[in-house]
Protein backbone atom coordinates (compact mmCIF):
# COMPACT_ATOMS: atom_id res chain seq x y z
CA UNK A 1 36.09 -41.45 48.95
CA UNK A 2 36.80 -40.24 52.47
CA UNK A 3 34.65 -41.64 55.24
CA UNK A 4 33.79 -38.11 56.40
CA UNK A 5 32.46 -37.25 52.92
CA UNK A 6 30.40 -40.43 52.77
CA UNK A 7 28.88 -39.81 56.20
CA UNK A 8 28.11 -36.21 55.23
CA UNK A 9 26.44 -37.33 52.01
CA UNK A 10 24.34 -39.98 53.74
CA UNK A 11 23.28 -37.60 56.50
CA UNK A 12 22.29 -34.96 53.96
CA UNK A 13 20.28 -37.49 51.98
CA UNK A 14 18.63 -38.95 55.06
CA UNK A 15 17.65 -35.53 56.45
CA UNK A 16 17.13 -33.63 53.19
CA UNK A 17 14.71 -36.03 51.51
CA UNK A 18 12.14 -35.85 54.37
CA UNK A 19 12.68 -32.09 54.57
CA UNK A 20 12.05 -31.69 50.84
CA UNK A 21 8.96 -33.90 51.02
CA UNK A 22 7.59 -31.90 53.94
CA UNK A 23 8.42 -28.65 52.14
CA UNK A 24 6.60 -29.79 49.00
CA UNK A 25 3.60 -30.92 51.02
CA UNK A 26 3.57 -27.62 52.94
CA UNK A 27 3.87 -25.63 49.74
CA UNK A 28 1.09 -27.64 48.11
CA UNK A 29 -1.23 -27.19 51.11
CA UNK A 30 -0.41 -23.51 51.28
CA UNK A 31 -1.03 -23.08 47.55
CA UNK A 32 -4.35 -24.87 47.83
CA UNK A 33 -5.28 -22.77 50.85
CA UNK A 34 -4.35 -19.60 49.00
CA UNK A 35 -6.24 -20.74 45.94
CA UNK A 36 -9.35 -21.64 47.95
CA UNK A 37 -9.15 -18.39 49.90
CA UNK A 38 -8.80 -16.51 46.62
CA UNK A 39 -11.80 -18.31 45.20
CA UNK A 40 -13.77 -17.52 48.36
CA UNK A 41 -12.76 -13.89 48.25
CA UNK A 42 -13.60 -13.75 44.57
CA UNK A 43 -17.01 -15.30 45.33
CA UNK A 44 -17.75 -12.56 47.83
CA UNK A 45 -17.24 -9.92 45.08
CA UNK A 46 -17.15 -6.90 47.45
CA UNK A 47 -16.38 -4.56 44.57
CA UNK A 48 -19.49 -5.64 42.68
CA UNK A 49 -21.57 -5.29 45.83
CA UNK A 50 -20.31 -1.76 46.41
CA UNK A 51 -20.85 -0.86 42.78
CA UNK A 52 -24.40 -2.23 42.96
CA UNK A 53 -25.13 -0.23 46.11
CA UNK A 54 -23.74 2.94 44.61
CA UNK A 55 -25.74 2.36 41.42
CA UNK A 56 -28.83 1.93 43.54
CA UNK A 57 -28.13 5.20 45.29
CA UNK A 58 -27.68 6.94 41.94
CA UNK A 59 -30.97 5.56 40.69
CA UNK A 60 -32.71 6.60 43.90
CA UNK A 61 -31.20 10.03 43.54
CA UNK A 62 -32.43 10.19 39.91
CA UNK A 63 -35.88 9.03 40.93
CA UNK A 64 -35.94 11.62 43.72
CA UNK A 65 -34.94 14.35 41.26
CA UNK A 66 -37.76 13.30 38.89
CA UNK A 67 -40.26 13.30 41.77
CA UNK A 68 -39.13 16.75 42.97
CA UNK A 69 -39.30 18.10 39.43
CA UNK A 70 -42.82 16.67 39.02
CA UNK A 71 -43.80 18.32 42.28
CA UNK A 72 -42.59 21.67 41.03
CA UNK A 73 -44.64 21.30 37.86
CA UNK A 74 -47.83 20.52 39.72
CA UNK A 75 -47.46 20.06 43.40
CA UNK A 76 -49.44 17.18 44.75
CA UNK A 77 -48.25 16.09 48.19
CA UNK A 78 -49.81 13.39 50.25
CA UNK A 79 -48.90 10.81 52.78
CA UNK A 80 -48.70 8.26 50.00
CA UNK A 81 -45.96 10.14 48.15
CA UNK A 82 -43.31 7.95 46.60
CA UNK A 83 -40.71 9.99 48.44
CA UNK A 84 -39.86 9.33 52.05
CA UNK A 85 -39.15 12.98 52.65
CA UNK A 86 -39.70 16.30 50.84
CA UNK A 87 -38.78 19.77 52.10
CA UNK A 88 -38.56 23.31 50.86
CA UNK A 89 -35.66 25.44 52.05
CA UNK A 90 -36.27 29.16 51.55
CA UNK A 91 -33.48 31.06 53.15
CA UNK A 92 -33.51 30.13 56.81
CA UNK A 93 -37.00 28.66 56.61
CA UNK A 94 -37.35 24.88 56.38
CA UNK A 95 -40.80 23.61 55.40
CA UNK A 96 -41.66 19.88 55.56
CA UNK A 97 -43.88 18.71 52.77
CA UNK A 98 -43.32 15.00 53.45
CA UNK A 99 -41.86 13.94 56.74
CA UNK A 100 -40.39 10.44 57.34
CA UNK A 101 -42.72 8.10 59.20
CA UNK A 102 -40.04 7.58 61.80
CA UNK A 103 -39.00 11.20 61.52
CA UNK A 104 -36.60 12.78 63.91
CA UNK A 105 -35.74 16.23 65.06
CA UNK A 106 -32.22 15.69 63.78
CA UNK A 107 -33.60 15.71 60.25
CA UNK A 108 -33.91 19.50 60.26
CA UNK A 109 -30.31 20.08 61.27
CA UNK A 110 -29.18 17.54 58.72
CA UNK A 111 -31.09 19.13 55.87
CA UNK A 112 -30.16 22.65 56.83
CA UNK A 113 -26.69 22.12 55.41
CA UNK A 114 -28.13 21.82 51.87
CA UNK A 115 -27.68 25.15 50.11
CA UNK A 116 -27.27 24.08 46.46
CA UNK A 117 -29.03 21.76 44.05
CA UNK A 118 -27.64 18.30 43.27
CA UNK A 119 -27.50 14.73 44.61
CA UNK A 120 -27.92 14.27 48.33
CA UNK A 121 -26.40 11.56 50.60
CA UNK A 122 -26.59 12.24 54.32
CA UNK A 123 -26.04 9.98 57.33
CA UNK A 124 -28.23 10.53 60.36
CA UNK A 125 -28.66 8.31 63.43
CA UNK A 126 -27.50 5.18 61.67
CA UNK A 127 -29.62 5.83 58.57
CA UNK A 128 -28.94 7.30 55.14
CA UNK A 129 -30.87 10.15 53.48
CA UNK A 130 -30.61 9.70 49.71
CA UNK A 131 -32.18 12.12 47.27
CA UNK A 132 -31.78 15.17 45.14
CA UNK A 133 -32.23 18.95 45.47
CA UNK A 134 -33.61 21.26 42.74
CA UNK A 135 -33.40 25.07 42.57
CA UNK A 136 -36.86 26.61 42.18
CA UNK A 137 -36.31 30.34 41.59
CA UNK A 138 -34.04 30.77 44.56
CA UNK A 139 -35.73 28.16 46.69
CA UNK A 140 -34.22 24.75 47.22
CA UNK A 141 -36.68 21.89 46.99
CA UNK A 142 -35.20 18.55 48.10
CA UNK A 143 -36.62 15.12 48.43
CA UNK A 144 -35.61 11.52 48.54
CA UNK A 145 -35.61 8.27 50.41
CA UNK A 146 -34.61 7.09 53.88
CA UNK A 147 -32.40 3.97 53.85
CA UNK A 148 -32.26 1.88 57.04
CA UNK A 149 -29.43 0.51 59.09
CA UNK A 150 -29.37 -2.75 57.09
CA UNK A 151 -28.35 -0.84 53.99
CA UNK A 152 -25.47 0.89 55.79
CA UNK A 153 -24.36 -2.38 57.44
CA UNK A 154 -24.27 -4.10 54.04
CA UNK A 155 -22.32 -1.21 52.56
CA UNK A 156 -19.85 -1.29 55.49
CA UNK A 157 -19.51 -5.06 55.19
CA UNK A 158 -18.81 -4.82 51.47
CA UNK A 159 -16.26 -2.06 52.08
CA UNK A 160 -14.54 -4.16 54.77
CA UNK A 161 -14.51 -7.16 52.44
CA UNK A 162 -12.95 -5.07 49.73
CA UNK A 163 -10.25 -3.92 52.16
CA UNK A 164 -9.55 -7.52 53.24
CA UNK A 165 -9.42 -8.65 49.63
CA UNK A 166 -6.86 -6.01 48.86
CA UNK A 167 -4.86 -6.93 51.98
CA UNK A 168 -5.00 -10.61 50.98
CA UNK A 169 -3.83 -9.77 47.48
CA UNK A 170 -0.87 -7.92 48.97
CA UNK A 171 -0.21 -10.73 51.48
CA UNK A 172 -0.09 -13.56 48.94
CA UNK A 173 3.43 -12.77 47.60
CA UNK A 174 4.61 -12.40 51.20
CA UNK A 175 3.29 -15.89 52.00
CA UNK A 176 5.07 -17.36 48.99
CA UNK A 177 8.28 -15.54 49.93
CA UNK A 178 7.95 -16.77 53.52
CA UNK A 179 7.51 -20.35 52.32
CA UNK A 180 10.57 -20.16 50.07
CA UNK A 181 12.64 -18.47 52.80
CA UNK A 182 11.58 -21.04 55.40
CA UNK A 183 12.53 -23.85 53.00
CA UNK A 184 15.92 -22.27 52.37
CA UNK A 185 16.53 -21.85 56.11
CA UNK A 186 15.59 -25.48 56.73
CA UNK A 187 17.91 -26.59 53.91
CA UNK A 188 20.81 -24.55 55.27
CA UNK A 189 20.15 -25.86 58.81
CA UNK A 190 20.12 -29.43 57.50
CA UNK A 191 23.42 -28.91 55.68
CA UNK A 192 25.07 -27.30 58.72
CA UNK A 193 23.85 -29.99 61.11
CA UNK A 194 24.86 -32.73 58.66
CA UNK A 195 28.32 -31.19 58.37
CA UNK A 196 28.75 -30.96 62.16
CA UNK A 197 27.45 -34.48 62.77
CA UNK A 198 29.53 -35.93 59.94
CA UNK A 199 32.67 -34.31 61.35
CA UNK A 200 31.99 -35.60 64.85
CA UNK A 201 30.97 -39.07 63.75
CA UNK A 202 33.84 -39.42 61.31
CA UNK A 203 36.31 -38.01 63.82
CA UNK A 204 35.35 -40.69 66.34
CA UNK A 205 36.21 -43.30 63.71
CA UNK A 206 38.79 -41.86 61.35
CA UNK A 207 41.09 -40.25 63.94
CA UNK A 208 41.76 -43.56 65.81
CA UNK A 209 42.03 -45.36 62.46
CA UNK A 210 44.53 -42.80 61.18
CA UNK A 211 46.55 -43.30 64.36
CA UNK A 212 46.43 -47.05 63.87
CA UNK A 213 47.49 -46.59 60.23
CA UNK A 214 50.42 -44.38 61.25
CA UNK A 215 51.50 -46.88 63.91
CA UNK A 216 51.21 -49.76 61.44
CA UNK A 217 53.40 -47.87 58.97
CA UNK A 218 55.99 -47.14 61.67
CA UNK A 219 56.01 -50.80 62.67
CA UNK A 220 56.49 -51.71 59.02
CA UNK A 221 59.56 -49.43 58.98
CA UNK A 222 61.01 -51.36 61.89
CA UNK A 223 60.29 -48.72 64.51
CA UNK A 224 58.94 -49.47 67.97
CA UNK A 225 56.17 -46.92 68.65
CA UNK A 226 54.26 -46.65 71.88
CA UNK A 227 50.65 -47.80 72.04
CA UNK A 228 47.73 -45.40 71.69
CA UNK A 229 45.04 -44.63 74.22
CA UNK A 230 41.66 -46.24 73.38
CA UNK A 231 39.19 -43.55 72.32
CA UNK A 232 36.00 -43.43 70.26
CA UNK A 233 33.18 -45.93 69.95
CA UNK A 234 33.16 -49.29 71.71
CA UNK A 235 34.21 -51.01 68.48
CA UNK A 236 37.14 -48.62 68.01
CA UNK A 237 38.15 -49.07 71.66
CA UNK A 238 38.16 -52.86 71.24
CA UNK A 239 40.13 -52.53 68.01
CA UNK A 240 42.64 -50.23 69.70
CA UNK A 241 43.02 -52.62 72.64
CA UNK A 242 43.61 -55.50 70.25
CA UNK A 243 46.13 -53.41 68.31
CA UNK A 244 47.99 -52.43 71.49
CA UNK A 245 48.04 -56.07 72.57
CA UNK A 246 49.29 -57.04 69.12
CA UNK A 247 52.07 -54.45 69.38
CA UNK A 248 53.01 -55.75 72.81
CA UNK A 249 53.05 -59.34 71.54
CA UNK A 250 54.97 -58.26 68.46
CA UNK A 251 57.53 -56.43 70.56
CA UNK A 252 57.91 -59.44 72.83
CA UNK A 253 58.21 -61.74 69.84
CA UNK A 254 60.77 -59.41 68.28
CA UNK A 255 62.82 -59.42 71.47
CA UNK A 256 62.60 -63.20 71.76
CA UNK A 257 63.54 -63.60 68.12
CA UNK A 258 66.53 -61.28 68.49
CA UNK A 259 67.61 -63.10 71.63
CA UNK A 260 67.10 -66.48 69.95
CA UNK A 261 69.16 -65.40 66.96
CA UNK A 262 71.86 -64.07 69.26
CA UNK A 263 71.93 -67.26 71.33
CA UNK A 264 71.83 -69.42 68.21
CA UNK A 265 74.84 -67.58 66.81
CA UNK A 266 76.78 -68.02 70.05
CA UNK A 267 75.76 -71.68 70.22
CA UNK A 268 77.12 -72.26 66.74
CA UNK A 269 80.30 -70.44 67.71
CA UNK A 270 80.55 -72.48 70.93
CA UNK A 271 80.01 -75.74 69.05
CA UNK A 272 82.81 -74.96 66.63
CA UNK A 273 85.08 -73.67 69.39
CA UNK A 274 84.53 -76.79 71.50
CA UNK A 275 85.33 -78.95 68.46
CA UNK A 276 88.46 -76.99 67.65
CA UNK A 277 89.63 -77.17 71.26
CA UNK A 278 88.97 -80.86 71.79
CA UNK A 279 90.77 -82.00 68.64
CA UNK A 280 94.29 -80.91 69.69
CA UNK A 281 93.82 -81.35 73.43
CA UNK A 282 93.76 -85.15 73.35
CA UNK A 283 97.08 -85.64 71.48
CA UNK A 284 98.68 -82.81 73.51
CA UNK A 285 97.64 -84.45 76.77
CA UNK A 286 98.88 -87.83 75.50
CA UNK A 287 102.22 -86.35 74.41
CA UNK A 288 102.63 -84.65 77.79
CA UNK A 289 102.00 -87.95 79.55
CA UNK A 290 104.67 -89.68 77.44
CA UNK A 291 107.21 -86.91 78.04
CA UNK A 292 106.59 -87.07 81.77
CA UNK A 293 106.94 -90.89 81.74
CA UNK A 294 110.25 -90.83 79.88
CA UNK A 295 111.67 -88.11 82.11
CA UNK A 296 110.65 -90.06 85.21
CA UNK A 297 112.19 -93.25 83.81
CA UNK A 298 115.51 -91.47 83.24
CA UNK A 299 115.40 -89.59 86.53
CA UNK A 300 115.23 -86.21 84.80
CA UNK A 301 111.67 -85.20 85.72
CA UNK A 302 112.43 -82.81 88.59
CA UNK A 303 114.16 -80.07 86.56
CA UNK A 304 111.14 -79.91 84.25
CA UNK A 305 108.42 -80.59 86.82
CA UNK A 306 107.16 -76.98 87.15
CA UNK A 307 106.93 -76.48 83.39
CA UNK A 308 105.20 -79.80 82.85
CA UNK A 309 102.69 -79.13 85.66
CA UNK A 310 101.94 -75.69 84.19
CA UNK A 311 101.29 -77.28 80.81
CA UNK A 312 99.03 -79.86 82.46
CA UNK A 313 97.09 -77.10 84.28
CA UNK A 314 96.54 -75.20 81.02
CA UNK A 315 95.37 -78.37 79.33
CA UNK A 316 92.88 -78.90 82.17
CA UNK A 317 91.69 -75.30 81.80
CA UNK A 318 91.24 -75.72 78.06
CA UNK A 319 89.33 -78.97 78.65
CA UNK A 320 86.97 -77.18 81.07
CA UNK A 321 86.58 -74.36 78.53
CA UNK A 322 85.75 -76.86 75.81
CA UNK A 323 83.23 -78.50 78.14
CA UNK A 324 81.60 -75.12 78.84
CA UNK A 325 81.43 -74.40 75.11
CA UNK A 326 79.90 -77.79 74.55
CA UNK A 327 77.32 -77.24 77.33
CA UNK A 328 76.20 -73.97 75.70
CA UNK A 329 76.04 -75.62 72.28
CA UNK A 330 74.06 -78.61 73.53
CA UNK A 331 71.37 -76.94 75.68
CA UNK A 332 68.54 -79.48 75.71
CA UNK A 333 64.91 -78.65 75.03
CA UNK A 334 62.79 -78.16 78.17
CA UNK A 335 60.91 -81.16 79.51
CA UNK A 336 57.44 -79.80 80.18
CA UNK A 337 55.54 -80.85 83.30
CA UNK A 338 53.03 -79.29 85.65
CA UNK A 339 54.37 -77.85 88.94
CA UNK A 340 53.83 -75.13 91.54
CA UNK A 341 55.83 -72.09 90.47
CA UNK A 342 55.73 -70.39 93.90
CA UNK A 343 56.79 -73.64 95.55
CA UNK A 344 59.83 -73.85 93.26
CA UNK A 345 60.80 -70.25 94.14
CA UNK A 346 60.55 -70.98 97.88
CA UNK A 347 62.72 -74.08 97.43
CA UNK A 348 65.45 -72.09 95.65
CA UNK A 349 65.32 -69.38 98.34
CA UNK A 350 65.79 -71.99 101.08
CA UNK A 351 68.96 -73.23 99.31
CA UNK A 352 70.44 -69.72 99.58
CA UNK A 353 69.04 -68.79 102.98
CA UNK A 354 72.46 -68.84 104.67
CA UNK A 355 73.99 -66.55 102.04
CA UNK A 356 71.04 -64.13 102.16
CA UNK A 357 71.37 -63.64 105.91
CA UNK A 358 74.24 -61.20 105.36
CA UNK A 359 71.97 -58.80 103.41
CA UNK A 360 68.78 -56.81 103.99
CA UNK A 361 66.74 -59.54 102.41
CA UNK A 362 62.97 -59.62 101.89
CA UNK A 363 60.69 -61.55 99.59
CA UNK A 364 57.50 -60.54 97.80
CA UNK A 365 55.93 -63.83 96.81
CA UNK A 366 52.33 -64.48 95.83
CA UNK A 367 50.47 -65.84 98.89
CA UNK A 368 48.98 -68.77 96.97
CA UNK A 369 50.17 -71.59 94.74
CA UNK A 370 50.45 -70.91 90.99
CA UNK A 371 50.41 -74.01 88.84
CA UNK A 372 52.21 -73.74 85.48
CA UNK A 373 53.52 -75.93 82.69
CA UNK A 374 57.30 -75.86 82.25
CA UNK A 375 60.65 -77.51 83.01
CA UNK A 376 61.22 -77.03 86.77
CA UNK A 377 64.87 -78.15 86.59
CA UNK A 378 65.79 -75.65 83.88
CA UNK A 379 63.83 -72.82 85.57
CA UNK A 380 65.53 -73.65 88.88
CA UNK A 381 68.86 -73.21 87.10
CA UNK A 382 67.78 -69.73 85.93
CA UNK A 383 66.59 -68.71 89.42
CA UNK A 384 69.83 -69.93 91.02
CA UNK A 385 71.88 -67.96 88.51
CA UNK A 386 69.95 -64.73 89.09
CA UNK A 387 70.15 -65.06 92.90
CA UNK A 388 73.89 -65.82 92.80
CA UNK A 389 74.50 -62.79 90.59
CA UNK A 390 72.55 -60.61 93.04
CA UNK A 391 74.58 -61.89 95.98
CA UNK A 392 77.85 -61.53 94.06
CA UNK A 393 77.28 -57.98 92.79
CA UNK A 394 75.41 -56.49 95.77
CA UNK A 395 77.25 -54.26 98.17
CA UNK A 396 77.89 -55.80 101.61
CA UNK A 397 74.78 -55.59 103.77
CA UNK A 398 72.78 -54.14 100.87
CA UNK A 399 69.19 -54.80 99.92
CA UNK A 400 68.15 -57.92 98.04
CA UNK A 401 64.52 -58.52 97.11
CA UNK A 402 63.07 -61.62 95.49
CA UNK A 403 59.56 -61.34 94.01
CA UNK A 404 57.33 -63.86 92.28
CA UNK A 405 53.74 -63.40 91.10
CA UNK A 406 51.38 -64.40 88.33
CA UNK A 407 48.05 -63.86 86.68
CA UNK A 408 45.79 -65.93 84.46
CA UNK A 409 48.27 -65.86 81.56
CA UNK A 410 51.84 -65.41 82.85
CA UNK A 411 54.15 -65.74 85.83
CA UNK A 412 57.22 -63.66 86.68
CA UNK A 413 60.29 -63.95 88.85
CA UNK A 414 62.48 -60.95 89.78
CA UNK A 415 65.63 -60.40 91.85
CA UNK A 416 66.80 -56.87 92.67
CA UNK A 417 69.94 -55.83 94.57
CA UNK A 418 71.89 -52.74 95.60
CA UNK A 419 74.72 -52.20 93.12
CA UNK A 420 78.21 -52.62 94.44
CA UNK A 421 79.56 -50.58 91.55
CA UNK A 422 77.79 -47.23 91.26
CA UNK A 423 78.95 -46.91 87.65
CA UNK A 424 76.68 -49.65 86.26
CA UNK A 425 74.93 -48.50 83.05
CA UNK A 426 72.19 -49.84 80.82
CA UNK A 427 74.84 -50.71 78.24
CA UNK A 428 76.60 -52.87 80.87
CA UNK A 429 73.35 -54.72 81.53
CA UNK A 430 72.73 -55.31 77.81
CA UNK A 431 76.22 -56.73 77.43
CA UNK A 432 75.82 -58.92 80.52
CA UNK A 433 73.61 -61.38 78.61
CA UNK A 434 76.25 -61.94 75.94
CA UNK A 435 78.33 -65.14 76.27
CA UNK A 436 81.87 -64.81 77.57
CA UNK A 437 81.20 -61.35 79.04
CA UNK A 438 81.81 -61.48 82.80
CA UNK A 439 83.14 -59.20 85.52
CA UNK A 440 83.41 -62.08 88.03
CA UNK A 441 86.92 -63.40 88.59
CA UNK A 442 87.24 -66.77 86.85
CA UNK A 443 83.76 -66.49 85.35
CA UNK A 444 83.07 -67.67 81.82
CA UNK A 445 80.16 -65.30 81.20
CA UNK A 446 77.80 -68.11 80.15
CA UNK A 447 75.32 -68.00 83.05
CA UNK A 448 72.99 -65.27 81.77
CA UNK A 449 73.35 -66.41 78.16
CA UNK A 450 72.22 -69.92 79.14
CA UNK A 451 69.47 -68.48 81.39
CA UNK A 452 68.12 -66.36 78.54
CA UNK A 453 68.10 -69.40 76.22
CA UNK A 454 66.08 -71.36 78.79
CA UNK A 455 63.55 -68.53 79.20
CA UNK A 456 63.24 -68.14 75.42
CA UNK A 457 62.58 -71.86 75.13
CA UNK A 458 59.70 -71.33 77.58
CA UNK A 459 58.26 -68.57 75.37
CA UNK A 460 59.27 -65.77 77.75
CA UNK A 461 61.69 -62.86 78.09
CA UNK A 462 64.62 -62.09 80.40
CA UNK A 463 65.32 -58.42 81.13
CA UNK A 464 67.91 -56.52 83.15
CA UNK A 465 67.25 -52.92 84.18
CA UNK A 466 68.50 -50.23 86.53
CA UNK A 467 66.21 -48.90 89.27
CA UNK A 468 68.12 -46.01 90.79
CA UNK A 469 70.98 -47.57 92.75
CA UNK A 470 69.57 -51.08 92.28
CA UNK A 471 69.63 -53.61 89.44
CA UNK A 472 66.68 -55.87 88.69
CA UNK A 473 66.81 -59.16 86.77
CA UNK A 474 63.36 -60.37 85.77
CA UNK A 475 61.95 -63.12 83.61
CA UNK A 476 58.35 -63.62 82.56
CA UNK A 477 56.95 -66.77 80.96
CA UNK A 478 53.46 -67.96 80.01
CA UNK A 479 51.75 -70.34 82.40
CA UNK A 480 50.82 -72.58 79.49
CA UNK A 481 53.50 -72.67 76.77
CA UNK A 482 52.22 -72.80 73.20
CA UNK A 483 53.37 -75.18 70.51
CA UNK A 484 54.81 -72.38 68.45
CA UNK A 485 57.54 -71.96 71.12
CA UNK A 486 58.88 -75.35 70.15
CA UNK A 487 58.20 -76.98 73.53
CA UNK A 488 57.47 -80.65 73.89
């Protein structure tokens, strides 16, 4: 499973479970609140209250009609009448038979609107006139009861409660829909945020890892990729730094191994060549000596002197060649000791001070001593060879720079010079470290090959490179050689 998918799943679970729990709790509390509110609204029973009030009015109207009818049968009117009010309306004339105790002038105008028999319900100054009207041979006789403000307030309250109950009933589905919608929105937001966070978190991890994987595969194919820039979390940055260091070490090891294999092959060739040369040289030299002796004894040496001397010179040349081959084949292992690397460089420079005076010479040496473990005699040989090459191949009066520096792990020595031949190429420099390749008159081409072998034995690398019109020869070795380099 991809890391991005796993992060997304974990983020969804971590954020969704609390969201679902909160949603369930919210829904439960809302349901209970709705249920309790419904029970409370049901307990108020506004509809029953209104129905009861209306039934009361109807009964009062019926009682008023009975009282008015009884009055018409035998009119007996007194202050103690069961009716709160009783009037006779004959055309435009309004006669009060029973007037309310807290009567008002507005009563006349209110009753004047009654022109037909039937139930009566009138509102006047915050009170209700409830009763009934009866037709008595063209006259309207009406009577009834006067209900106070409390009755109207109760009726208004019940009506308002009924309206709220109906509103609540209509609102309940909306509340449920809102709860479901809010839960869906929260769920979608959680999924979107989890997706964004998972992409960002996984990208900070997987992208550098994918780069490392691709680089590892390319290294496995024998390629030499460049390092990658450290990005991402601190752990990924440390891993990337370690990987880059590993690639650098691997590249250095690969170069040293290739150089070691190359030198080993030439050493084997030199050993065999020295053996093949030495075997015939001894009897040839002995035979030449005998021929010369006999010719001298018989006084016949002079006519053959030039030929014999030429043969002797070639034998000497072949003996020197065999000795050079033998020296390359028998390079000894370095003898490790502690010494001041900068001091050794200064000593070598002093040996060549007279030769360097004819050039634009300058040095760039570390201002302090640098103690290392190595073979000072063998390293001196390398430094001398590099300086002599710079003097030999630099144009007259050209620039020559000698630099030496170091850090906690390594030291380096470099010699750069203006090229005498402007046609020097990188291929020429790569070939310069091969044995028996030399552009110097009379040179054997073993100097750089031997120098590279010495540097490899110290666990370092020797490089030649072009810098514009200049050539630089540089070696770098560890300050403390490791056992794996084969040093003792």
